[in-house]
Amino acid sequence: MAADAQDLLSAFGDAVRELRLARGISQERLAELAGINRTYMGDVERGERNIALINIDRIARGLGLDLAALMADVEAHRGRQTKGR
């Protein structure tokens, strides 16, 4: 996988984990709210899944966000990753 793609997957996972923790919910609970398997959710947070748009929307809704808000947070994480290089 190309480095840019892996960076995006990692940024997405980091953003989801940070938002989840900020809301005080477990990974298992977010998976339940999003209608996604808990193991899959763990893979997403570790940047190990190339997640489908439908599941991105489910996760956003599980976090109480719309897609734009979630992706804005992902972009912020991605920016931090590139600055750290």
PDB file of N, CA and C in Angstrom:
ATOM      1  N   MET A   1       0.851  -1.179   0.000  1.00  0.00           N
ATOM      2  CA  MET A   1       0.000   0.000   0.000  1.00  0.00           C
ATOM      3  C   MET A   1       0.895   1.240   0.000  1.00  0.00           C
ATOM      4  N   ALA A   2       0.512   2.234  -0.752  1.00  0.00           N
ATOM      5  CA  ALA A   2       1.281   3.466  -0.833  1.00  0.00           C
ATOM      6  C   ALA A   2       1.281   4.193   0.507  1.00  0.00           C
ATOM      7  N   ALA A   3       2.357   4.911   0.756  1.00  0.00           N
ATOM      8  CA  ALA A   3       2.500   5.625   2.033  1.00  0.00           C
ATOM      9  C   ALA A   3       1.364   6.617   2.254  1.00  0.00           C
ATOM     10  N   ASP A   4       0.943   7.323   1.201  1.00  0.00           N
ATOM     11  CA  ASP A   4      -0.150   8.294   1.357  1.00  0.00           C
ATOM     12  C   ASP A   4      -1.443   7.615   1.784  1.00  0.00           C
ATOM     13  N   ALA A   5      -1.715   6.445   1.211  1.00  0.00           N
ATOM     14  CA  ALA A   5      -2.930   5.709   1.576  1.00  0.00           C
ATOM     15  C   ALA A   5      -2.850   5.245   3.025  1.00  0.00           C
ATOM     16  N   GLN A   6      -1.694   4.734   3.430  1.00  0.00           N
ATOM     17  CA  GLN A   6      -1.535   4.283   4.809  1.00  0.00           C
ATOM     18  C   GLN A   6      -1.643   5.450   5.780  1.00  0.00           C
ATOM     19  N   ASP A   7      -1.097   6.607   5.395  1.00  0.00           N
ATOM     20  CA  ASP A   7      -1.211   7.808   6.234  1.00  0.00           C
ATOM     21  C   ASP A   7      -2.674   8.185   6.442  1.00  0.00           C
ATOM     22  N   LEU A   8      -3.464   8.093   5.373  1.00  0.00           N
ATOM     23  CA  LEU A   8      -4.882   8.429   5.478  1.00  0.00           C
ATOM     24  C   LEU A   8      -5.614   7.453   6.386  1.00  0.00           C
ATOM     25  N   LEU A   9      -5.341   6.157   6.222  1.00  0.00           N
ATOM     26  CA  LEU A   9      -5.985   5.160   7.075  1.00  0.00           C
ATOM     27  C   LEU A   9      -5.600   5.354   8.533  1.00  0.00           C
ATOM     28  N   SER A  10      -4.343   5.668   8.778  1.00  0.00           N
ATOM     29  CA  SER A  10      -3.880   5.909  10.154  1.00  0.00           C
ATOM     30  C   SER A  10      -4.518   7.162  10.730  1.00  0.00           C
ATOM     31  N   ALA A  11      -4.595   8.218   9.931  1.00  0.00           N
ATOM     32  CA  ALA A  11      -5.215   9.467  10.395  1.00  0.00           C
ATOM     33  C   ALA A  11      -6.684   9.243  10.712  1.00  0.00           C
ATOM     34  N   PHE A  12      -7.374   8.474   9.876  1.00  0.00           N
ATOM     35  CA  PHE A  12      -8.780   8.188  10.128  1.00  0.00           C
ATOM     36  C   PHE A  12      -8.934   7.428  11.435  1.00  0.00           C
ATOM     37  N   GLY A  13      -8.142   6.388  11.609  1.00  0.00           N
ATOM     38  CA  GLY A  13      -8.214   5.593  12.836  1.00  0.00           C
ATOM     39  C   GLY A  13      -7.898   6.402  14.071  1.00  0.00           C
ATOM     40  N   ASP A  14      -6.866   7.243  13.982  1.00  0.00           N
ATOM     41  CA  ASP A  14      -6.502   8.093  15.120  1.00  0.00           C
ATOM     42  C   ASP A  14      -7.633   9.057  15.472  1.00  0.00           C
ATOM     43  N   ALA A  15      -8.250   9.640  14.438  1.00  0.00           N
ATOM     44  CA  ALA A  15      -9.340  10.591  14.669  1.00  0.00           C
ATOM     45  C   ALA A  15     -10.524   9.893  15.328  1.00  0.00           C
ATOM     46  N   VAL A  16     -10.888   8.723  14.828  1.00  0.00           N
ATOM     47  CA  VAL A  16     -12.015   7.985  15.405  1.00  0.00           C
ATOM     48  C   VAL A  16     -11.721   7.648  16.865  1.00  0.00           C
ATOM     49  N   ARG A  17     -10.532   7.156  17.144  1.00  0.00           N
ATOM     50  CA  ARG A  17     -10.173   6.790  18.522  1.00  0.00           C
ATOM     51  C   ARG A  17     -10.239   8.018  19.438  1.00  0.00           C
ATOM     52  N   GLU A  18      -9.669   9.132  18.992  1.00  0.00           N
ATOM     53  CA  GLU A  18      -9.666  10.348  19.816  1.00  0.00           C
ATOM     54  C   GLU A  18     -11.091  10.832  20.079  1.00  0.00           C
ATOM     55  N   LEU A  19     -11.914  10.852  19.054  1.00  0.00           N
ATOM     56  CA  LEU A  19     -13.300  11.302  19.215  1.00  0.00           C
ATOM     57  C   LEU A  19     -14.078  10.352  20.130  1.00  0.00           C
ATOM     58  N   ARG A  20     -13.848   9.072  19.971  1.00  0.00           N
ATOM     59  CA  ARG A  20     -14.523   8.078  20.812  1.00  0.00           C
ATOM     60  C   ARG A  20     -14.142   8.264  22.276  1.00  0.00           C
ATOM     61  N   LEU A  21     -12.854   8.393  22.524  1.00  0.00           N
ATOM     62  CA  LEU A  21     -12.383   8.567  23.903  1.00  0.00           C
ATOM     63  C   LEU A  21     -12.884   9.881  24.499  1.00  0.00           C
ATOM     64  N   ALA A  22     -12.940  10.934  23.688  1.00  0.00           N
ATOM     65  CA  ALA A  22     -13.438  12.226  24.167  1.00  0.00           C
ATOM     66  C   ALA A  22     -14.905  12.133  24.592  1.00  0.00           C
ATOM     67  N   ARG A  23     -15.618  11.223  23.984  1.00  0.00           N
ATOM     68  CA  ARG A  23     -17.028  11.027  24.333  1.00  0.00           C
ATOM     69  C   ARG A  23     -17.213  10.005  25.435  1.00  0.00           C
ATOM     70  N   GLY A  24     -16.114   9.399  25.868  1.00  0.00           N
ATOM     71  CA  GLY A  24     -16.179   8.444  26.971  1.00  0.00           C
ATOM     72  C   GLY A  24     -16.888   7.150  26.634  1.00  0.00           C
ATOM     73  N   ILE A  25     -16.799   6.737  25.375  1.00  0.00           N
ATOM     74  CA  ILE A  25     -17.444   5.478  25.016  1.00  0.00           C
ATOM     75  C   ILE A  25     -16.387   4.446  24.621  1.00  0.00           C
ATOM     76  N   SER A  26     -16.714   3.206  24.890  1.00  0.00           N
ATOM     77  CA  SER A  26     -15.788   2.122  24.575  1.00  0.00           C
ATOM     78  C   SER A  26     -15.819   1.824  23.083  1.00  0.00           C
ATOM     79  N   GLN A  27     -14.787   1.139  22.642  1.00  0.00           N
ATOM     80  CA  GLN A  27     -14.736   0.701  21.257  1.00  0.00           C
ATOM     81  C   GLN A  27     -15.918  -0.224  20.953  1.00  0.00           C
ATOM     82  N   GLU A  28     -16.214  -1.084  21.904  1.00  0.00           N
ATOM     83  CA  GLU A  28     -17.336  -2.009  21.737  1.00  0.00           C
ATOM     84  C   GLU A  28     -18.660  -1.254  21.603  1.00  0.00           C
ATOM     85  N   ARG A  29     -18.847  -0.224  22.418  1.00  0.00           N
ATOM     86  CA  ARG A  29     -20.083   0.566  22.365  1.00  0.00           C
ATOM     87  C   ARG A  29     -20.186   1.322  21.048  1.00  0.00           C
ATOM     88  N   LEU A  30     -19.090   1.914  20.578  1.00  0.00           N
ATOM     89  CA  LEU A  30     -19.128   2.618  19.297  1.00  0.00           C
ATOM     90  C   LEU A  30     -19.468   1.638  18.181  1.00  0.00           C
ATOM     91  N   ALA A  31     -18.873   0.468  18.213  1.00  0.00           N
ATOM     92  CA  ALA A  31     -19.183  -0.545  17.204  1.00  0.00           C
ATOM     93  C   ALA A  31     -20.679  -0.869  17.225  1.00  0.00           C
ATOM     94  N   GLU A  32     -21.230  -1.006  18.415  1.00  0.00           N
ATOM     95  CA  GLU A  32     -22.660  -1.285  18.559  1.00  0.00           C
ATOM     96  C   GLU A  32     -23.493  -0.136  17.996  1.00  0.00           C
ATOM     97  N   LEU A  33     -23.145   1.095  18.352  1.00  0.00           N
ATOM     98  CA  LEU A  33     -23.880   2.260  17.859  1.00  0.00           C
ATOM     99  C   LEU A  33     -23.810   2.384  16.345  1.00  0.00           C
ATOM    100  N   ALA A  34     -22.668   1.998  15.779  1.00  0.00           N
ATOM    101  CA  ALA A  34     -22.457   2.104  14.337  1.00  0.00           C
ATOM    102  C   ALA A  34     -22.938   0.879  13.568  1.00  0.00           C
ATOM    103  N   GLY A  35     -23.304  -0.179  14.293  1.00  0.00           N
ATOM    104  CA  GLY A  35     -23.735  -1.393  13.625  1.00  0.00           C
ATOM    105  C   GLY A  35     -22.583  -2.099  12.924  1.00  0.00           C
ATOM    106  N   ILE A  36     -21.413  -2.026  13.541  1.00  0.00           N
ATOM    107  CA  ILE A  36     -20.188  -2.595  12.980  1.00  0.00           C
ATOM    108  C   ILE A  36     -19.610  -3.566  14.002  1.00  0.00           C
ATOM    109  N   ASN A  37     -19.012  -4.638  13.515  1.00  0.00           N
ATOM    110  CA  ASN A  37     -18.368  -5.609  14.388  1.00  0.00           C
ATOM    111  C   ASN A  37     -17.244  -4.953  15.185  1.00  0.00           C
ATOM    112  N   ARG A  38     -17.110  -5.307  16.468  1.00  0.00           N
ATOM    113  CA  ARG A  38     -16.096  -4.704  17.325  1.00  0.00           C
ATOM    114  C   ARG A  38     -14.676  -4.956  16.818  1.00  0.00           C
ATOM    115  N   THR A  39     -14.424  -6.145  16.310  1.00  0.00           N
ATOM    116  CA  THR A  39     -13.097  -6.459  15.775  1.00  0.00           C
ATOM    117  C   THR A  39     -12.780  -5.579  14.577  1.00  0.00           C
ATOM    118  N   TYR A  40     -13.752  -5.367  13.722  1.00  0.00           N
ATOM    119  CA  TYR A  40     -13.600  -4.482  12.573  1.00  0.00           C
ATOM    120  C   TYR A  40     -13.284  -3.067  13.046  1.00  0.00           C
ATOM    121  N   MET A  41     -13.998  -2.618  14.085  1.00  0.00           N
ATOM    122  CA  MET A  41     -13.761  -1.279  14.625  1.00  0.00           C
ATOM    123  C   MET A  41     -12.325  -1.142  15.119  1.00  0.00           C
ATOM    124  N   GLY A  42     -11.814  -2.166  15.773  1.00  0.00           N
ATOM    125  CA  GLY A  42     -10.424  -2.147  16.228  1.00  0.00           C
ATOM    126  C   GLY A  42      -9.469  -2.031  15.059  1.00  0.00           C
ATOM    127  N   ASP A  43      -9.753  -2.773  13.987  1.00  0.00           N
ATOM    128  CA  ASP A  43      -8.918  -2.679  12.789  1.00  0.00           C
ATOM    129  C   ASP A  43      -8.944  -1.270  12.204  1.00  0.00           C
ATOM    130  N   VAL A  44     -10.114  -0.652  12.209  1.00  0.00           N
ATOM    131  CA  VAL A  44     -10.252   0.721  11.706  1.00  0.00           C
ATOM    132  C   VAL A  44      -9.389   1.663  12.544  1.00  0.00           C
ATOM    133  N   GLU A  45      -9.485   1.575  13.852  1.00  0.00           N
ATOM    134  CA  GLU A  45      -8.734   2.474  14.725  1.00  0.00           C
ATOM    135  C   GLU A  45      -7.221   2.272  14.599  1.00  0.00           C
ATOM    136  N   ARG A  46      -6.804   1.073  14.227  1.00  0.00           N
ATOM    137  CA  ARG A  46      -5.372   0.811  14.031  1.00  0.00           C
ATOM    138  C   ARG A  46      -4.913   1.133  12.612  1.00  0.00           C
ATOM    139  N   GLY A  47      -5.821   1.599  11.763  1.00  0.00           N
ATOM    140  CA  GLY A  47      -5.471   1.925  10.386  1.00  0.00           C
ATOM    141  C   GLY A  47      -5.229   0.707   9.529  1.00  0.00           C
ATOM    142  N   GLU A  48      -5.860  -0.404   9.882  1.00  0.00           N
ATOM    143  CA  GLU A  48      -5.641  -1.665   9.168  1.00  0.00           C
ATOM    144  C   GLU A  48      -6.748  -1.991   8.176  1.00  0.00           C
ATOM    145  N   ARG A  49      -7.749  -1.156   8.073  1.00  0.00           N
ATOM    146  CA  ARG A  49      -8.877  -1.393   7.169  1.00  0.00           C
ATOM    147  C   ARG A  49      -9.016  -0.242   6.189  1.00  0.00           C
ATOM    148  N   ASN A  50      -9.227  -0.566   4.931  1.00  0.00           N
ATOM    149  CA  ASN A  50      -9.605   0.422   3.928  1.00  0.00           C
ATOM    150  C   ASN A  50     -11.122   0.467   3.955  1.00  0.00           C
ATOM    151  N   ILE A  51     -11.633   1.332   4.791  1.00  0.00           N
ATOM    152  CA  ILE A  51     -13.039   1.341   5.184  1.00  0.00           C
ATOM    153  C   ILE A  51     -13.934   1.929   4.090  1.00  0.00           C
ATOM    154  N   ALA A  52     -15.112   1.341   3.928  1.00  0.00           N
ATOM    155  CA  ALA A  52     -16.092   1.788   2.937  1.00  0.00           C
ATOM    156  C   ALA A  52     -16.803   3.057   3.415  1.00  0.00           C
ATOM    157  N   LEU A  53     -17.239   3.834   2.470  1.00  0.00           N
ATOM    158  CA  LEU A  53     -17.935   5.089   2.761  1.00  0.00           C
ATOM    159  C   LEU A  53     -19.166   4.865   3.644  1.00  0.00           C
ATOM    160  N   ILE A  54     -19.889   3.803   3.410  1.00  0.00           N
ATOM    161  CA  ILE A  54     -21.076   3.509   4.225  1.00  0.00           C
ATOM    162  C   ILE A  54     -20.676   3.322   5.686  1.00  0.00           C
ATOM    163  N   ASN A  55     -19.576   2.626   5.921  1.00  0.00           N
ATOM    164  CA  ASN A  55     -19.133   2.418   7.297  1.00  0.00           C
ATOM    165  C   ASN A  55     -18.569   3.696   7.904  1.00  0.00           C
ATOM    166  N   ILE A  56     -17.973   4.543   7.087  1.00  0.00           N
ATOM    167  CA  ILE A  56     -17.521   5.847   7.592  1.00  0.00           C
ATOM    168  C   ILE A  56     -18.719   6.641   8.092  1.00  0.00           C
ATOM    169  N   ASP A  57     -19.797   6.630   7.323  1.00  0.00           N
ATOM    170  CA  ASP A  57     -21.015   7.331   7.737  1.00  0.00           C
ATOM    171  C   ASP A  57     -21.588   6.723   9.014  1.00  0.00           C
ATOM    172  N   ARG A  58     -21.572   5.415   9.126  1.00  0.00           N
ATOM    173  CA  ARG A  58     -22.066   4.756  10.340  1.00  0.00           C
ATOM    174  C   ARG A  58     -21.246   5.157  11.562  1.00  0.00           C
ATOM    175  N   ILE A  59     -19.944   5.205  11.399  1.00  0.00           N
ATOM    176  CA  ILE A  59     -19.070   5.598  12.517  1.00  0.00           C
ATOM    177  C   ILE A  59     -19.320   7.054  12.885  1.00  0.00           C
ATOM    178  N   ALA A  60     -19.426   7.919  11.884  1.00  0.00           N
ATOM    179  CA  ALA A  60     -19.710   9.333  12.159  1.00  0.00           C
ATOM    180  C   ALA A  60     -20.999   9.463  12.971  1.00  0.00           C
ATOM    181  N   ARG A  61     -22.027   8.789  12.547  1.00  0.00           N
ATOM    182  CA  ARG A  61     -23.310   8.859  13.255  1.00  0.00           C
ATOM    183  C   ARG A  61     -23.209   8.251  14.650  1.00  0.00           C
ATOM    184  N   GLY A  62     -22.441   7.189  14.781  1.00  0.00           N
ATOM    185  CA  GLY A  62     -22.222   6.592  16.093  1.00  0.00           C
ATOM    186  C   GLY A  62     -21.535   7.546  17.055  1.00  0.00           C
ATOM    187  N   LEU A  63     -20.704   8.428  16.492  1.00  0.00           N
ATOM    188  CA  LEU A  63     -20.019   9.447  17.293  1.00  0.00           C
ATOM    189  C   LEU A  63     -20.861  10.711  17.468  1.00  0.00           C
ATOM    190  N   GLY A  64     -22.032  10.739  16.840  1.00  0.00           N
ATOM    191  CA  GLY A  64     -22.897  11.915  16.926  1.00  0.00           C
ATOM    192  C   GLY A  64     -22.444  13.042  16.012  1.00  0.00           C
ATOM    193  N   LEU A  65     -21.770  12.687  14.911  1.00  0.00           N
ATOM    194  CA  LEU A  65     -21.237  13.681  13.979  1.00  0.00           C
ATOM    195  C   LEU A  65     -21.809  13.465  12.588  1.00  0.00           C
ATOM    196  N   ASP A  66     -21.684  14.486  11.747  1.00  0.00           N
ATOM    197  CA  ASP A  66     -21.952  14.272  10.332  1.00  0.00           C
ATOM    198  C   ASP A  66     -20.619  13.967   9.647  1.00  0.00           C
ATOM    199  N   LEU A  67     -20.676  13.565   8.395  1.00  0.00           N
ATOM    200  CA  LEU A  67     -19.457  13.193   7.672  1.00  0.00           C
ATOM    201  C   LEU A  67     -18.448  14.336   7.613  1.00  0.00           C
ATOM    202  N   ALA A  68     -18.934  15.543   7.388  1.00  0.00           N
ATOM    203  CA  ALA A  68     -18.030  16.685   7.265  1.00  0.00           C
ATOM    204  C   ALA A  68     -17.233  16.911   8.544  1.00  0.00           C
ATOM    205  N   ALA A  69     -17.886  16.809   9.684  1.00  0.00           N
ATOM    206  CA  ALA A  69     -17.196  17.024  10.959  1.00  0.00           C
ATOM    207  C   ALA A  69     -16.160  15.930  11.208  1.00  0.00           C
ATOM    208  N   LEU A  70     -16.528  14.686  10.931  1.00  0.00           N
ATOM    209  CA  LEU A  70     -15.568  13.597  11.116  1.00  0.00           C
ATOM    210  C   LEU A  70     -14.372  13.772  10.189  1.00  0.00           C
ATOM    211  N   MET A  71     -14.622  14.085   8.936  1.00  0.00           N
ATOM    212  CA  MET A  71     -13.522  14.208   7.978  1.00  0.00           C
ATOM    213  C   MET A  71     -12.655  15.435   8.272  1.00  0.00           C
ATOM    214  N   ALA A  72     -13.217  16.478   8.840  1.00  0.00           N
ATOM    215  CA  ALA A  72     -12.414  17.624   9.245  1.00  0.00           C
ATOM    216  C   ALA A  72     -11.422  17.204  10.325  1.00  0.00           C
ATOM    217  N   ASP A  73     -11.866  16.365  11.236  1.00  0.00           N
ATOM    218  CA  ASP A  73     -10.978  15.863  12.277  1.00  0.00           C
ATOM    219  C   ASP A  73      -9.919  14.944  11.689  1.00  0.00           C
ATOM    220  N   VAL A  74     -10.296  14.132  10.717  1.00  0.00           N
ATOM    221  CA  VAL A  74      -9.327  13.261  10.030  1.00  0.00           C
ATOM    222  C   VAL A  74      -8.260  14.123   9.352  1.00  0.00           C
ATOM    223  N   GLU A  75      -8.676  15.164   8.668  1.00  0.00           N
ATOM    224  CA  GLU A  75      -7.719  16.059   7.999  1.00  0.00           C
ATOM    225  C   GLU A  75      -6.778  16.719   9.006  1.00  0.00           C
ATOM    226  N   ALA A  76      -7.281  17.072  10.164  1.00  0.00           N
ATOM    227  CA  ALA A  76      -6.422  17.661  11.203  1.00  0.00           C
ATOM    228  C   ALA A  76      -5.369  16.647  11.639  1.00  0.00           C
ATOM    229  N   HIS A  77      -5.764  15.408  11.816  1.00  0.00           N
ATOM    230  CA  HIS A  77      -4.808  14.357  12.194  1.00  0.00           C
ATOM    231  C   HIS A  77      -3.790  14.122  11.083  1.00  0.00           C
ATOM    232  N   ARG A  78      -4.268  14.149   9.854  1.00  0.00           N
ATOM    233  CA  ARG A  78      -3.371  13.945   8.722  1.00  0.00           C
ATOM    234  C   ARG A  78      -2.339  15.054   8.639  1.00  0.00           C
ATOM    235  N   GLY A  79      -2.768  16.277   8.903  1.00  0.00           N
ATOM    236  CA  GLY A  79      -1.841  17.403   8.914  1.00  0.00           C
ATOM    237  C   GLY A  79      -0.782  17.263   9.985  1.00  0.00           C
ATOM    238  N   ARG A  80      -1.178  16.782  11.155  1.00  0.00           N
ATOM    239  CA  ARG A  80      -0.210  16.563  12.233  1.00  0.00           C
ATOM    240  C   ARG A  80       0.802  15.489  11.861  1.00  0.00           C
ATOM    241  N   GLN A  81       0.355  14.469  11.156  1.00  0.00           N
ATOM    242  CA  GLN A  81       1.261  13.382  10.746  1.00  0.00           C
ATOM    243  C   GLN A  81       2.316  13.898   9.771  1.00  0.00           C
ATOM    244  N   THR A  82       1.899  14.725   8.827  1.00  0.00           N
ATOM    245  CA  THR A  82       2.856  15.204   7.830  1.00  0.00           C
ATOM    246  C   THR A  82       3.825  16.222   8.418  1.00  0.00           C
ATOM    247  N   LYS A  83       3.399  16.961   9.424  1.00  0.00           N
ATOM    248  CA  LYS A  83       4.296  17.905  10.097  1.00  0.00           C
ATOM    249  C   LYS A  83       5.351  17.183  10.920  1.00  0.00           C
ATOM    250  N   GLY A  84       4.999  15.973  11.388  1.00  0.00           N
ATOM    251  CA  GLY A  84       5.902  15.199  12.227  1.00  0.00           C
ATOM    252  C   GLY A  84       7.016  14.520  11.458  1.00  0.00           C
ATOM    253  N   ARG A  85       6.994  14.622  10.157  1.00  0.00           N
ATOM    254  CA  ARG A  85       8.021  13.946   9.340  1.00  0.00           C
ATOM    255  C   ARG A  85       9.262  14.764   9.201  1.00  0.00           C
TER     256      ARG A  85
END
